[in-house]
Amino acid sequence: MMKILLIIEFFGFYLFNLVKSNLLIAYDILTPVMRSTPAFISIPLRLKTDAGLLLLSNLVSMTPGSLSYEITEDRKQLVVHILYMSSKEKMIEDIENIQNRILKIAS
């Protein structure tokens, strides 16, 4: 029962962030000045399974403004392209939050 609640909470969390990202992109498109500050960042990976890595990279890529670029050969880093880089630490924290939630569900 607890795992079902964790999955429901995860989808709620992800949907909220998905809507928020879509609104940010829509606002930027509709205003006269583009506010994008693109950058690549590396996220340390704690997920080890193929399914966990696939889920994380797909969720990051499905979120507007971010794209999973590469998982390093040693599977210790996920390289992500961010369209709106405000702070490297904040971006890493946001993606770490997704990773932590996947780890909770998988355990």
Protein backbone atom coordinates (compact mmCIF):
# COMPACT_ATOMS: atom_id res chain seq x y z
CA MET A 1 0.00 0.00 0.00
CA MET A 2 2.85 2.37 0.86
CA LYS A 3 4.45 1.86 -2.55
CA ILE A 4 1.19 2.81 -4.28
CA LEU A 5 1.05 6.03 -2.25
CA LEU A 6 4.67 6.80 -3.18
CA ILE A 7 3.89 6.26 -6.88
CA ILE A 8 0.80 8.51 -6.69
CA GLU A 9 2.80 11.19 -4.86
CA PHE A 10 5.59 10.92 -7.46
CA PHE A 11 3.18 11.43 -10.36
CA GLY A 12 1.62 14.43 -8.60
CA PHE A 13 5.07 15.92 -8.01
CA TYR A 14 6.11 15.30 -11.62
CA LEU A 15 2.88 16.65 -13.12
CA PHE A 16 3.20 19.84 -11.06
CA ASN A 17 6.76 20.37 -12.32
CA LEU A 18 5.72 19.53 -15.87
CA VAL A 19 2.96 22.16 -15.84
CA LYS A 20 5.30 24.71 -14.24
CA SER A 21 7.94 24.11 -16.95
CA ASN A 22 5.37 24.37 -19.73
CA LEU A 23 4.13 27.69 -18.36
CA LEU A 24 7.68 29.04 -18.19
CA ILE A 25 8.36 28.05 -21.81
CA ALA A 26 5.00 29.47 -22.98
CA TYR A 27 5.67 32.76 -21.17
CA ASP A 28 9.11 33.02 -22.74
CA ILE A 29 7.73 32.33 -26.22
CA LEU A 30 4.90 34.85 -25.88
CA THR A 31 7.04 37.70 -24.54
CA PRO A 32 9.23 39.76 -26.89
CA VAL A 33 12.54 38.93 -25.18
CA MET A 34 13.89 35.38 -24.93
CA ARG A 35 15.18 34.71 -21.44
CA SER A 36 16.91 31.42 -22.12
CA THR A 37 20.38 30.79 -20.72
CA PRO A 38 21.33 27.36 -22.10
CA ALA A 39 23.99 25.22 -20.46
CA PHE A 40 25.14 21.64 -19.97
CA ILE A 41 25.45 20.21 -16.47
CA SER A 42 26.49 16.83 -15.07
CA ILE A 43 24.31 15.15 -12.49
CA PRO A 44 25.85 12.49 -10.23
CA LEU A 45 23.90 9.24 -10.54
CA ARG A 46 22.96 6.97 -7.67
CA LEU A 47 20.55 4.90 -9.75
CA LYS A 48 22.19 1.70 -10.96
CA THR A 49 19.48 -0.27 -12.75
CA ASP A 50 18.76 0.11 -16.43
CA ALA A 51 15.08 0.76 -15.64
CA GLY A 52 15.93 3.48 -13.10
CA LEU A 53 18.35 5.21 -15.46
CA LEU A 54 15.87 4.99 -18.33
CA LEU A 55 13.07 6.44 -16.18
CA LEU A 56 15.22 9.32 -14.92
CA SER A 57 16.59 10.24 -18.34
CA ASN A 58 13.12 10.09 -19.92
CA LEU A 59 11.51 12.18 -17.17
CA VAL A 60 14.23 14.80 -17.50
CA SER A 61 13.82 14.87 -21.29
CA MET A 62 10.01 15.06 -21.12
CA THR A 63 10.22 18.17 -18.96
CA PRO A 64 10.26 21.25 -21.21
CA GLY A 65 13.54 23.11 -21.06
CA SER A 66 15.72 20.10 -20.27
CA LEU A 67 17.13 17.25 -22.31
CA SER A 68 19.11 14.21 -21.19
CA TYR A 69 22.16 14.27 -23.41
CA GLU A 70 24.27 11.35 -22.23
CA ILE A 71 24.89 8.85 -19.48
CA THR A 72 28.63 8.47 -19.11
CA GLU A 73 30.17 5.06 -19.85
CA ASP A 74 30.88 4.45 -16.17
CA ARG A 75 27.18 5.25 -15.44
CA LYS A 76 28.13 7.76 -12.75
CA GLN A 77 26.99 10.99 -14.46
CA LEU A 78 23.97 12.12 -16.45
CA VAL A 79 24.78 15.03 -18.76
CA VAL A 80 21.74 17.30 -19.17
CA HIS A 81 21.14 20.30 -21.43
CA ILE A 82 19.21 22.98 -19.56
CA LEU A 83 17.49 25.78 -21.48
CA TYR A 84 16.92 28.04 -18.46
CA MET A 85 19.99 27.78 -16.25
CA SER A 86 19.43 29.92 -13.20
CA SER A 87 21.85 28.22 -10.83
CA LYS A 88 23.83 25.03 -11.35
CA GLU A 89 23.20 23.98 -7.76
CA LYS A 90 19.43 24.51 -8.11
CA MET A 91 19.28 22.49 -11.34
CA ILE A 92 21.27 19.63 -9.80
CA GLU A 93 19.02 19.75 -6.73
CA ASP A 94 15.86 19.58 -8.88
CA ILE A 95 17.08 16.54 -10.82
CA GLU A 96 18.42 14.94 -7.63
CA ASN A 97 14.91 15.30 -6.21
CA ILE A 98 13.52 13.24 -9.10
CA GLN A 99 16.29 10.68 -8.63
CA ASN A 100 15.56 10.43 -4.88
CA ARG A 101 11.88 9.82 -5.54
CA ILE A 102 12.69 7.07 -8.06
CA LEU A 103 15.01 5.45 -5.50
CA LYS A 104 12.22 5.57 -2.87
CA ILE A 105 9.77 3.85 -5.21
CA ALA A 106 12.32 1.22 -6.30
CA SER A 107 13.29 0.22 -2.76
